[in-house]
Protein backbone atom coordinates (compact mmCIF):
# COMPACT_ATOMS: atom_id res chain seq x y z
CA MET A 1 -7.20 46.18 14.66
CA GLY A 2 -9.26 46.99 17.76
CA THR A 3 -12.56 48.76 18.21
CA THR A 4 -14.04 50.68 21.10
CA ALA A 5 -17.61 50.34 19.85
CA ARG A 6 -19.36 47.74 17.75
CA LEU A 7 -21.07 49.08 14.66
CA THR A 8 -22.86 46.75 12.25
CA VAL A 9 -24.11 47.18 8.71
CA PRO A 10 -26.42 44.94 6.63
CA LEU A 11 -24.28 43.23 3.98
CA LEU A 12 -25.44 41.48 0.82
CA ILE A 13 -23.12 38.77 -0.50
CA PHE A 14 -23.58 37.17 -3.93
CA ASP A 15 -21.49 35.42 -6.57
CA VAL A 16 -21.19 36.04 -10.30
CA ALA A 17 -19.45 33.71 -12.75
CA GLY A 18 -19.37 32.95 -16.45
CA HIS A 19 -17.30 31.65 -19.33
CA LEU A 20 -15.95 35.11 -20.24
CA ALA A 21 -15.62 38.61 -18.84
CA HIS A 22 -14.38 41.89 -20.27
CA PHE A 23 -14.11 44.99 -18.08
CA ARG A 24 -12.82 47.47 -20.64
CA ARG A 25 -9.82 49.60 -19.75
CA PRO A 26 -10.55 53.06 -21.24
CA ASP A 27 -6.84 53.84 -21.60
CA THR A 28 -6.32 51.21 -24.34
CA ALA A 29 -7.31 51.54 -28.01
CA VAL A 30 -5.56 49.13 -30.41
CA THR A 31 -6.11 46.14 -28.11
CA HIS A 32 -9.10 46.42 -25.79
CA ALA A 33 -7.47 45.37 -22.53
CA THR A 34 -9.50 44.27 -19.52
CA TYR A 35 -9.35 44.82 -15.80
CA PRO A 36 -9.01 41.49 -13.93
CA PHE A 37 -12.19 41.95 -11.87
CA PRO A 38 -15.39 44.05 -11.92
CA THR A 39 -14.76 47.76 -11.51
CA ARG A 40 -16.75 50.11 -9.30
CA THR A 41 -18.70 51.43 -12.28
CA ALA A 42 -19.29 47.94 -13.74
CA LEU A 43 -20.68 46.79 -10.40
CA ARG A 44 -23.09 49.70 -10.28
CA GLY A 45 -24.18 48.92 -13.81
CA MET A 46 -24.91 45.33 -12.76
CA LEU A 47 -26.83 46.45 -9.65
CA GLY A 48 -28.76 48.97 -11.73
CA ALA A 49 -29.67 46.24 -14.25
CA ILE A 50 -31.08 44.07 -11.46
CA LEU A 51 -33.15 46.98 -10.13
CA GLY A 52 -34.26 48.25 -13.54
CA ARG A 53 -32.34 51.52 -13.59
CA PRO A 54 -31.17 52.54 -17.09
CA GLU A 55 -28.38 54.56 -15.48
CA TRP A 56 -26.82 54.60 -12.01
CA VAL A 57 -25.66 58.12 -11.19
CA ASP A 58 -23.25 57.61 -8.33
CA THR A 59 -22.65 59.23 -4.98
CA GLU A 60 -19.62 58.44 -2.85
CA HIS A 61 -21.38 57.70 0.43
CA GLU A 62 -24.54 55.86 -0.67
CA ALA A 63 -23.62 52.44 -2.05
CA TRP A 64 -20.49 50.49 -1.12
CA THR A 65 -19.13 47.40 -2.88
CA GLY A 66 -16.24 44.98 -2.52
CA VAL A 67 -14.90 42.16 -4.71
CA ARG A 68 -13.30 38.82 -3.96
CA ILE A 69 -11.64 36.78 -6.72
CA LEU A 70 -12.87 33.16 -6.61
CA ASN A 71 -11.17 31.66 -9.70
CA PRO A 72 -7.55 32.30 -10.72
CA ILE A 73 -7.33 35.17 -13.21
CA ARG A 74 -6.58 33.84 -16.70
CA THR A 75 -6.80 35.97 -19.83
CA ARG A 76 -6.87 35.27 -23.56
CA ALA A 77 -6.87 37.56 -26.60
CA GLN A 78 -9.59 37.17 -29.23
CA GLU A 79 -10.25 39.11 -32.42
CA LEU A 80 -13.83 40.34 -32.78
CA SER A 81 -15.54 42.37 -35.49
CA MET A 82 -16.76 45.73 -34.19
CA LEU A 83 -19.29 46.18 -37.02
CA GLY A 84 -21.98 48.63 -35.97
CA LYS A 85 -20.09 49.91 -32.94
CA GLY A 86 -18.91 53.12 -34.60
CA TRP A 87 -15.37 54.47 -34.65
CA PHE A 88 -14.43 58.15 -34.99
CA GLY A 89 -17.52 58.95 -37.07
CA ASN A 90 -17.32 55.90 -39.35
CA GLY A 91 -20.54 54.52 -37.87
CA ASP A 92 -21.70 51.19 -39.27
CA ALA A 93 -18.94 51.20 -41.90
CA PHE A 94 -16.30 50.31 -39.31
CA ASN A 95 -15.58 46.58 -39.55
CA ARG A 96 -11.94 46.11 -38.61
CA PRO A 97 -11.17 43.01 -36.51
CA THR A 98 -10.24 44.25 -33.05
CA ALA A 99 -8.19 42.35 -30.46
CA ILE A 100 -10.14 41.95 -27.22
CA GLU A 101 -8.56 40.71 -23.99
CA LEU A 102 -10.94 38.39 -22.14
CA VAL A 103 -10.93 36.94 -18.64
CA VAL A 104 -11.54 33.18 -19.01
CA GLU A 105 -13.83 31.27 -16.62
CA PRO A 106 -14.14 34.20 -14.21
CA ALA A 107 -15.83 33.93 -10.82
CA TYR A 108 -16.18 36.66 -8.21
CA ARG A 109 -17.87 37.25 -4.88
CA ILE A 110 -19.54 40.64 -4.53
CA TYR A 111 -20.24 42.47 -1.27
CA TYR A 112 -22.77 45.31 -1.10
CA THR A 113 -24.17 47.59 1.55
CA GLY A 114 -26.49 50.47 0.77
CA PRO A 115 -30.10 51.62 0.62
CA ASP A 116 -31.13 49.03 -2.00
CA GLY A 117 -29.74 46.03 -0.12
CA GLN A 118 -32.99 44.30 0.77
CA GLU A 119 -34.53 44.67 -2.69
CA LEU A 120 -31.32 43.45 -4.32
CA ALA A 121 -31.16 40.49 -1.94
CA GLU A 122 -34.73 39.43 -2.78
CA ARG A 123 -34.26 39.84 -6.52
CA ILE A 124 -30.98 37.91 -6.53
CA ARG A 125 -32.41 35.21 -4.27
CA GLN A 126 -35.29 34.75 -6.74
CA ARG A 127 -32.99 35.11 -9.78
CA ARG A 128 -35.16 37.99 -10.94
CA SER A 129 -33.45 40.83 -12.80
CA HIS A 130 -35.12 43.66 -14.72
CA PHE A 131 -32.38 43.81 -17.38
CA PRO A 132 -29.82 41.14 -18.36
CA THR A 133 -26.73 41.10 -16.17
CA TYR A 134 -23.28 40.60 -17.61
CA LEU A 135 -19.60 40.65 -16.70
CA GLY A 136 -18.59 43.94 -18.27
CA SER A 137 -19.80 43.31 -21.83
CA ALA A 138 -23.10 42.14 -23.33
CA TYR A 139 -21.52 38.94 -24.71
CA ALA A 140 -20.46 37.92 -21.17
CA LEU A 141 -23.82 37.13 -19.57
CA THR A 142 -24.06 36.04 -15.95
CA VAL A 143 -26.78 35.27 -13.40
CA PRO A 144 -25.97 36.47 -9.85
CA ARG A 145 -26.23 33.73 -7.20
CA PHE A 146 -27.37 34.67 -3.70
CA ILE A 147 -24.97 33.75 -0.89
CA ALA A 148 -25.99 35.66 2.25
CA TRP A 149 -27.73 38.67 3.77
CA GLU A 150 -26.04 39.26 7.11
CA GLU A 151 -24.97 41.79 9.69
CA ALA A 152 -21.30 42.67 9.24
CA GLU A 153 -19.19 44.41 11.85
CA GLU A 154 -17.80 47.78 10.79
CA VAL A 155 -14.16 47.85 11.81
CA GLY A 156 -11.95 50.83 12.66
CA GLY A 157 -9.26 52.00 15.05
CA GLU A 158 -11.81 54.11 16.93
CA ALA A 159 -14.89 52.61 15.23
CA ALA A 160 -15.62 56.17 14.13
CA VAL A 161 -17.07 56.88 10.71
CA ALA A 162 -15.67 60.10 9.26
CA GLY A 163 -16.68 61.29 5.82
CA GLY A 164 -17.99 57.87 4.85
CA ALA A 165 -14.74 56.09 5.76
CA VAL A 166 -13.70 54.14 8.82
CA ASN A 167 -10.37 55.15 10.30
CA VAL A 168 -8.08 52.14 10.58
CA ALA A 169 -5.01 52.24 12.80
CA PRO A 170 -2.14 49.99 11.59
CA GLU A 171 -1.85 47.88 14.75
CA GLY A 172 -0.60 44.82 12.87
CA PRO A 173 -0.73 42.98 9.55
CA LEU A 174 -4.23 42.10 8.37
CA GLU A 175 -5.54 39.49 5.95
CA SER A 176 -8.37 40.02 3.51
CA PRO A 177 -9.81 37.66 0.90
CA ALA A 178 -10.98 40.67 -1.14
CA VAL A 179 -9.19 43.20 -3.33
CA VAL A 180 -7.98 46.32 -1.48
CA PRO A 181 -7.49 49.87 -2.82
CA THR A 182 -3.79 50.71 -2.70
CA HIS A 183 -4.30 54.04 -0.94
CA ALA A 184 -5.65 52.06 2.04
CA VAL A 185 -2.47 49.94 2.18
CA LEU A 186 0.63 51.08 4.04
CA ASP A 187 2.74 48.02 3.23
CA VAL A 188 2.35 44.41 2.11
CA GLU A 189 3.68 41.35 3.89
CA PRO A 190 5.04 38.60 1.61
CA VAL A 191 3.60 35.12 2.13
CA PRO A 192 5.10 32.01 0.46
CA GLY A 193 2.93 30.82 -2.41
CA ARG A 194 1.05 34.09 -2.83
CA VAL A 195 1.50 36.60 -5.63
CA TYR A 196 0.46 40.22 -5.19
CA ALA A 197 -0.48 42.32 -8.21
CA ARG A 198 -1.59 45.89 -8.78
CA VAL A 199 -4.02 47.38 -11.27
CA GLY A 200 -4.57 51.11 -11.72
CA GLY A 201 -6.75 53.59 -13.57
CA VAL A 202 -10.05 52.13 -12.32
CA LEU A 203 -12.77 54.76 -12.72
CA HIS A 204 -14.39 55.75 -9.43
CA THR A 205 -17.51 57.94 -9.69
CA HIS A 206 -20.04 57.94 -12.54
CA LEU A 207 -21.51 61.41 -13.01
CA GLY A 208 -23.98 60.50 -15.77
CA GLY A 209 -23.57 59.88 -19.49
CA ARG A 210 -19.90 59.17 -20.15
CA ARG A 211 -18.61 61.50 -17.46
CA PHE A 212 -16.55 60.16 -14.57
CA ARG A 213 -14.52 61.55 -11.71
CA ARG A 214 -11.34 60.20 -10.10
CA SER A 215 -9.78 56.77 -10.28
CA LEU A 216 -8.55 53.99 -8.00
CA SER A 217 -5.68 51.51 -7.92
CA PHE A 218 -6.05 48.06 -6.35
CA LEU A 219 -3.91 45.38 -4.73
CA TYR A 220 -5.08 41.83 -5.46
CA GLU A 221 -3.94 38.20 -5.45
CA PRO A 222 -4.48 36.77 -8.98
CA ASN A 223 -5.03 33.21 -7.73
CA GLY A 224 -7.77 34.25 -5.33
CA GLN A 225 -5.77 33.87 -2.14
CA ALA A 226 -5.89 36.32 0.75
CA ILE A 227 -3.80 39.48 0.88
CA ARG A 228 -1.69 40.15 3.97
CA PHE A 229 -0.97 43.84 4.47
CA TRP A 230 -0.52 46.69 6.90
CA PRO A 231 -3.38 49.19 6.58
CA ALA A 232 -2.70 52.86 6.06
CA PRO A 233 -4.27 55.15 8.67
CA GLY A 234 -7.53 56.77 7.57
CA PRO A 235 -9.48 58.70 6.62
CA TYR A 236 -9.12 57.80 2.95
CA ASP A 237 -9.72 59.72 -0.26
CA PRO A 238 -11.55 58.27 -2.13
CA PRO A 239 -13.29 56.91 0.97
CA VAL A 240 -13.33 53.21 1.87
CA ARG A 241 -14.91 51.19 4.66
CA TRP A 242 -13.76 48.03 6.43
CA VAL A 243 -16.24 45.36 7.48
CA ARG A 244 -15.79 41.94 9.05
CA CYS A 245 -18.25 39.36 7.70
CA SER A 246 -18.50 35.57 7.46
CA ASP A 247 -15.71 35.61 4.84
CA GLY A 248 -13.36 37.70 6.99
CA LEU A 249 -12.17 41.29 6.62
CA VAL A 250 -13.46 43.02 3.48
CA CYS A 251 -12.75 46.49 2.15
CA LEU A 252 -15.74 48.30 0.63
CA TRP A 253 -15.22 51.16 -1.82
C-alpha cells in the first residue's frame, strides 16, 4: 500500500479490561447474546462517560475509533434476574431469570482520533472519568488505561481523503492487529494457526434516544492475532480510515 503524500492524525491509544463484558446484540431476545468486542455505539458511550456527556449523538466524520482484541474471546452463559428492567409493559413485576452471554476476562485496545482527543488523553492518563465506564453493561465496570498519544500516518492508495474515508488500492495482502469492517475487505489470506471470524449487525450511527442508522459487519481473529487480508478499493460506505501507528496498520470506523 503506497502513498504519494504523508498525512498524519493525532491518535489516542488506551486499553480497557475487566472480568466480564456484555455488548448486547439487539437482534436476540430469549438469550441476550453479546458481540465479541466493543461496538461503535458502545465505544461512544464510554467516551461520552469519560467526558461527562449524558448522550453522544453521532456524526460519521467527527470521531473515529478502532478496536484490537488483546485476550482470546471466551464466552459463558449466566442466568440473571431482570427485576426492575421492564418487559413489554410489565415494569417492575418482570422477574424472569434471563440467560445472558458474557465475554470472560476481556481485554481490548482502543484507538481514537477526533476533536476530543487531547481532553480524553488527559482524563484517561489521570484515570479521571465524569461517569463510571463499563464494558457494555453497568455490571462490567472497567477503568481505561492510557497507552499513547501519538501521530499516526494516514494511509491510502493516493493518500486522498474523500468523504471521510481514505481510498486504499489493493496492491498486496496487508496485516492488521485490529478488527476490520468486512466491506473494506476484498479477500482474506489464510495463515496457519489463525482463525478468522465474522460478526454482523453492529449498529453504526446513534441518532439520539434509541434511534440508530445503518449497521456494520466485522472480520476479526478471536485469539487476538493479526488479520491478513486484501483491502477492497475505497471509498467505503459506511466510511472507514486506515492509519499506521506504533501497533501497525489499524482501521478506524
